[in-house]
């Protein structure tokens, strides 16, 4: 099948059925049945001076701990990902621990964050573990199957 444009919508040549077509730009546009609907992009705002994550590195044990102090959604994940990647590369730890003690909400972006940091840490020869999972976060981890890859660790005695 070849798709061809017809009046701002795309149709299958055989079935003549319209389907949804997205474009991304300053505003998201949705084309459906030759109508254009504009939707404002979701704006990620953050409180000034608020840290999303605290970092501690213990030189003796080569242990890097990230304590996440905010809800984990797609707006926050971008900042956490950048900072975590920088710190993992900077310290080259043997073990990376994510502490979820203060996390009350996490969506699929958080799952992607953890799996991405797991792959990054493994590539650099480090192990990744999680601690202090809240009930809601633990349920998400169990449903997504992350706990098969990443173990829940005990609180480190430091």
Protein backbone atom coordinates (compact mmCIF):
# COMPACT_ATOMS: atom_id res chain seq x y z
CA UNK A 1 0.00 0.00 0.00
CA UNK A 2 1.15 3.51 -0.75
CA UNK A 3 -0.15 6.47 1.21
CA UNK A 4 -0.92 9.66 -0.63
CA UNK A 5 -1.98 13.07 0.67
CA UNK A 6 -5.49 14.27 -0.13
CA UNK A 7 -6.80 17.55 1.29
CA UNK A 8 -4.75 17.61 4.52
CA UNK A 9 -5.58 14.02 5.44
CA UNK A 10 -4.09 10.71 4.45
CA UNK A 11 -6.21 7.96 2.99
CA UNK A 12 -5.59 4.33 2.17
CA UNK A 13 -5.98 4.02 -1.62
CA UNK A 14 -8.03 0.84 -1.38
CA UNK A 15 -10.34 1.53 1.54
CA UNK A 16 -10.68 5.32 1.40
CA UNK A 17 -10.64 5.62 5.20
CA UNK A 18 -9.20 8.60 6.97
CA UNK A 19 -6.95 8.12 9.94
CA UNK A 20 -5.27 10.31 12.52
CA UNK A 21 -2.07 12.10 11.53
CA UNK A 22 0.05 14.10 14.01
CA UNK A 23 2.56 16.82 13.38
CA UNK A 24 4.78 18.37 16.02
CA UNK A 25 5.83 21.97 16.02
CA UNK A 26 5.14 25.04 18.08
CA UNK A 27 1.61 23.76 18.57
CA UNK A 28 0.56 20.15 18.16
CA UNK A 29 -1.78 19.79 15.21
CA UNK A 30 -4.13 16.87 14.75
CA UNK A 31 -5.49 16.18 11.30
CA UNK A 32 -8.60 14.03 11.15
CA UNK A 33 -11.30 13.98 8.47
CA UNK A 34 -9.86 17.12 6.85
CA UNK A 35 -10.24 19.18 10.07
CA UNK A 36 -7.35 20.74 11.89
CA UNK A 37 -7.51 20.96 15.67
CA UNK A 38 -4.78 22.82 17.53
CA UNK A 39 -3.70 21.81 21.01
CA UNK A 40 -1.33 23.79 23.17
CA UNK A 41 1.78 21.88 24.16
CA UNK A 42 2.07 20.80 27.76
CA UNK A 43 4.35 23.22 29.54
CA UNK A 44 6.60 21.82 32.25
CA UNK A 45 6.98 24.27 35.09
CA UNK A 46 9.15 23.86 38.14
CA UNK A 47 9.37 25.73 41.40
CA UNK A 48 12.44 27.96 41.60
CA UNK A 49 15.13 26.66 43.87
CA UNK A 50 13.59 23.21 44.22
CA UNK A 51 15.86 20.23 43.73
CA UNK A 52 14.30 17.12 42.26
CA UNK A 53 17.09 14.83 43.42
CA UNK A 54 19.83 14.77 46.03
CA UNK A 55 23.12 13.03 45.25
CA UNK A 56 25.58 11.42 47.67
CA UNK A 57 28.79 9.64 46.71
CA UNK A 58 30.78 7.51 49.13
CA UNK A 59 34.37 7.27 47.88
CA UNK A 60 35.35 4.36 50.14
CA UNK A 61 32.58 2.06 48.89
CA UNK A 62 32.34 3.57 45.38
CA UNK A 63 28.62 3.95 46.13
CA UNK A 64 26.41 6.59 44.48
CA UNK A 65 22.98 7.28 46.00
CA UNK A 66 20.25 9.31 44.30
CA UNK A 67 17.44 10.38 46.65
CA UNK A 68 14.51 11.52 44.54
CA UNK A 69 12.52 14.19 46.37
CA UNK A 70 9.64 14.90 44.00
CA UNK A 71 6.94 13.19 41.99
CA UNK A 72 8.29 11.46 38.90
CA UNK A 73 6.51 12.48 35.71
CA UNK A 74 7.69 13.39 32.23
CA UNK A 75 8.51 17.00 33.21
CA UNK A 76 10.77 16.02 36.11
CA UNK A 77 12.37 13.01 34.39
CA UNK A 78 14.31 15.15 31.92
CA UNK A 79 16.17 16.96 34.72
CA UNK A 80 16.74 13.81 36.77
CA UNK A 81 18.06 11.91 33.73
CA UNK A 82 20.59 14.62 32.87
CA UNK A 83 21.85 14.93 36.43
CA UNK A 84 22.00 11.16 37.03
CA UNK A 85 23.92 10.50 33.81
CA UNK A 86 26.38 13.26 34.64
CA UNK A 87 26.97 11.98 38.19
CA UNK A 88 27.34 8.32 37.11
CA UNK A 89 29.89 9.31 34.48
CA UNK A 90 31.68 11.65 36.87
CA UNK A 91 32.14 9.22 39.77
CA UNK A 92 32.21 5.84 37.94
CA UNK A 93 30.69 3.99 40.93
CA UNK A 94 30.51 0.23 41.49
CA UNK A 95 26.95 0.52 42.79
CA UNK A 96 24.17 3.02 42.05
CA UNK A 97 21.16 3.23 44.38
CA UNK A 98 17.93 5.11 43.74
CA UNK A 99 16.06 6.03 46.95
CA UNK A 100 12.30 6.43 46.44
CA UNK A 101 11.47 7.37 50.05
CA UNK A 102 9.89 10.75 49.16
CA UNK A 103 8.22 9.72 45.89
CA UNK A 104 4.41 9.76 46.03
CA UNK A 105 3.68 9.48 42.30
CA UNK A 106 5.42 7.88 39.33
CA UNK A 107 4.23 7.32 35.76
CA UNK A 108 5.67 5.51 32.73
CA UNK A 109 8.35 8.17 32.31
CA UNK A 110 9.78 7.04 35.64
CA UNK A 111 9.96 3.46 34.40
CA UNK A 112 11.90 4.64 31.36
CA UNK A 113 14.19 6.68 33.61
CA UNK A 114 15.08 3.69 35.79
CA UNK A 115 15.57 1.27 32.89
CA UNK A 116 17.74 3.79 31.04
CA UNK A 117 19.95 4.38 34.09
CA UNK A 118 20.14 0.57 34.60
CA UNK A 119 21.48 0.13 31.06
CA UNK A 120 23.87 3.09 31.43
CA UNK A 121 25.24 1.84 34.77
CA UNK A 122 25.68 -1.71 33.41
CA UNK A 123 27.54 -0.35 30.40
CA UNK A 124 30.00 1.33 32.79
CA UNK A 125 30.32 -1.78 34.98
CA UNK A 126 28.10 -0.70 37.89
CA UNK A 127 25.13 -2.42 39.55
CA UNK A 128 21.86 -0.55 40.04
CA UNK A 129 19.50 -1.10 42.98
CA UNK A 130 16.44 0.63 44.44
CA UNK A 131 15.55 1.24 48.09
CA UNK A 132 12.65 2.59 50.17
CA UNK A 133 9.93 1.99 47.59
CA UNK A 134 6.59 3.46 48.59
CA UNK A 135 3.54 1.24 48.17
CA UNK A 136 2.37 2.95 44.96
CA UNK A 137 5.83 2.92 43.38
CA UNK A 138 6.40 -0.71 44.34
CA UNK A 139 3.11 -1.67 42.67
CA UNK A 140 4.20 0.07 39.45
CA UNK A 141 7.60 -1.68 39.58
CA UNK A 142 5.93 -5.07 40.05
CA UNK A 143 3.42 -4.55 37.22
CA UNK A 144 6.11 -3.36 34.79
CA UNK A 145 8.50 -6.21 35.61
CA UNK A 146 11.39 -3.94 36.60
CA UNK A 147 11.94 -5.91 39.80
CA UNK A 148 13.05 -8.89 37.69
CA UNK A 149 15.99 -6.76 36.48
CA UNK A 150 16.66 -4.44 39.37
CA UNK A 151 16.73 -5.75 42.95
CA UNK A 152 15.33 -3.99 46.01
CA UNK A 153 18.28 -3.42 48.34
CA UNK A 154 18.45 -2.94 52.09
CA UNK A 155 19.29 0.51 53.44
CA UNK A 156 23.10 0.86 53.18
CA UNK A 157 24.85 1.12 56.55
CA UNK A 158 27.01 4.20 56.08
